[in-house]
Amino acid sequence: MTNLEKFWTALFTLKSDVQANVHGDILTEDNFNNIDWTTGVSEDGKTAITTQTNPHSEITWTKVKELMDSYD
């Protein structure tokens, strides 16, 4: 399993319907803090509304990393 596959598996384990956009591997807390989290859609339904502030209290770098490490 690649690091990216581990990341997405961990993320969906913590919140199955989460939507996010990542840039490369998520290997550090700094990478995690640069995720674009989808929080909604524009009124015309064509553009995602995103933020780099994690809106999901159940998803933390510590929890994601712990799950990723368990997949080794």
C-alpha atoms as a PDB file:
ATOM      1  CA  MET A   1       0.000   0.000   0.000  1.00  0.00           C
ATOM      2  CA  THR A   2       1.437   3.398  -0.949  1.00  0.00           C
ATOM      3  CA  ASN A   3       1.627   6.287   1.501  1.00  0.00           C
ATOM      4  CA  LEU A   4      -1.162   8.049  -0.357  1.00  0.00           C
ATOM      5  CA  GLU A   5      -3.373   4.951  -0.179  1.00  0.00           C
ATOM      6  CA  LYS A   6      -2.654   4.695   3.552  1.00  0.00           C
ATOM      7  CA  PHE A   7      -3.590   8.354   3.979  1.00  0.00           C
ATOM      8  CA  TRP A   8      -6.942   8.038   2.170  1.00  0.00           C
ATOM      9  CA  THR A   9      -7.763   4.773   3.956  1.00  0.00           C
ATOM     10  CA  ALA A  10      -7.076   6.420   7.317  1.00  0.00           C
ATOM     11  CA  LEU A  11      -9.053   9.522   6.382  1.00  0.00           C
ATOM     12  CA  PHE A  12     -12.105   7.525   5.267  1.00  0.00           C
ATOM     13  CA  THR A  13     -11.865   5.344   8.361  1.00  0.00           C
ATOM     14  CA  LEU A  14     -12.178   8.448  10.512  1.00  0.00           C
ATOM     15  CA  LYS A  15     -14.933  10.043   8.383  1.00  0.00           C
ATOM     16  CA  SER A  16     -16.322   8.076   5.477  1.00  0.00           C
ATOM     17  CA  ASP A  17     -17.877  11.019   3.629  1.00  0.00           C
ATOM     18  CA  VAL A  18     -15.023  13.518   3.948  1.00  0.00           C
ATOM     19  CA  GLN A  19     -14.045  15.468   0.842  1.00  0.00           C
ATOM     20  CA  ALA A  20     -10.576  16.920   0.432  1.00  0.00           C
ATOM     21  CA  ASN A  21      -7.899  17.672  -2.118  1.00  0.00           C
ATOM     22  CA  VAL A  22      -4.269  16.851  -1.373  1.00  0.00           C
ATOM     23  CA  HIS A  23      -1.069  17.793  -3.116  1.00  0.00           C
ATOM     24  CA  GLY A  24       1.403  14.889  -3.083  1.00  0.00           C
ATOM     25  CA  ASP A  25       1.986  12.510  -0.194  1.00  0.00           C
ATOM     26  CA  ILE A  26       0.768  13.431   3.267  1.00  0.00           C
ATOM     27  CA  LEU A  27       3.748  12.358   5.373  1.00  0.00           C
ATOM     28  CA  THR A  28       4.051  15.154   7.928  1.00  0.00           C
ATOM     29  CA  GLU A  29       1.826  17.425   9.970  1.00  0.00           C
ATOM     30  CA  ASP A  30       2.884  20.295   7.694  1.00  0.00           C
ATOM     31  CA  ASN A  31       1.568  18.338   4.672  1.00  0.00           C
ATOM     32  CA  PHE A  32      -1.636  17.612   6.593  1.00  0.00           C
ATOM     33  CA  ASN A  33      -2.080  21.309   7.377  1.00  0.00           C
ATOM     34  CA  ASN A  34      -2.026  22.109   3.634  1.00  0.00           C
ATOM     35  CA  ILE A  35      -4.983  19.924   2.703  1.00  0.00           C
ATOM     36  CA  ASP A  36      -7.821  21.706   0.929  1.00  0.00           C
ATOM     37  CA  TRP A  37     -10.958  20.563   2.786  1.00  0.00           C
ATOM     38  CA  THR A  38     -14.215  20.815   0.853  1.00  0.00           C
ATOM     39  CA  THR A  39     -16.890  22.506   2.938  1.00  0.00           C
ATOM     40  CA  GLY A  40     -19.570  23.124   0.343  1.00  0.00           C
ATOM     41  CA  VAL A  41     -20.359  24.098  -3.215  1.00  0.00           C
ATOM     42  CA  SER A  42     -21.042  27.440  -4.869  1.00  0.00           C
ATOM     43  CA  GLU A  43     -24.612  28.556  -5.501  1.00  0.00           C
ATOM     44  CA  ASP A  44     -24.362  27.565  -9.161  1.00  0.00           C
ATOM     45  CA  GLY A  45     -23.130  24.098  -8.146  1.00  0.00           C
ATOM     46  CA  LYS A  46     -19.984  24.359 -10.253  1.00  0.00           C
ATOM     47  CA  THR A  47     -17.257  25.276  -7.786  1.00  0.00           C
ATOM     48  CA  ALA A  48     -16.180  23.614  -4.556  1.00  0.00           C
ATOM     49  CA  ILE A  49     -15.815  25.798  -1.489  1.00  0.00           C
ATOM     50  CA  THR A  50     -12.619  24.828   0.307  1.00  0.00           C
ATOM     51  CA  THR A  51     -10.559  25.795   3.314  1.00  0.00           C
ATOM     52  CA  GLN A  52      -7.156  24.786   4.644  1.00  0.00           C
ATOM     53  CA  THR A  53      -8.540  24.974   8.170  1.00  0.00           C
ATOM     54  CA  ASN A  54      -9.623  21.450   9.026  1.00  0.00           C
ATOM     55  CA  PRO A  55     -13.373  21.619   9.766  1.00  0.00           C
ATOM     56  CA  HIS A  56     -13.551  18.045  11.120  1.00  0.00           C
ATOM     57  CA  SER A  57     -12.755  17.725  14.829  1.00  0.00           C
ATOM     58  CA  GLU A  58     -12.679  13.930  14.523  1.00  0.00           C
ATOM     59  CA  ILE A  59      -9.815  14.103  12.010  1.00  0.00           C
ATOM     60  CA  THR A  60      -6.434  15.074  13.437  1.00  0.00           C
ATOM     61  CA  TRP A  61      -2.905  14.514  12.197  1.00  0.00           C
ATOM     62  CA  THR A  62      -2.221  12.329  15.258  1.00  0.00           C
ATOM     63  CA  LYS A  63      -5.169  10.033  14.476  1.00  0.00           C
ATOM     64  CA  VAL A  64      -4.414   9.889  10.752  1.00  0.00           C
ATOM     65  CA  LYS A  65      -0.724   9.133  11.350  1.00  0.00           C
ATOM     66  CA  GLU A  66      -1.553   6.441  13.913  1.00  0.00           C
ATOM     67  CA  LEU A  67      -3.829   4.690  11.432  1.00  0.00           C
ATOM     68  CA  MET A  68      -1.354   5.081   8.567  1.00  0.00           C
ATOM     69  CA  ASP A  69       1.385   3.503  10.693  1.00  0.00           C
ATOM     70  CA  SER A  70      -0.894   0.592  11.574  1.00  0.00           C
ATOM     71  CA  TYR A  71      -1.172  -0.372   7.893  1.00  0.00           C
ATOM     72  CA  ASP A  72       2.524  -1.376   7.677  1.00  0.00           C
END
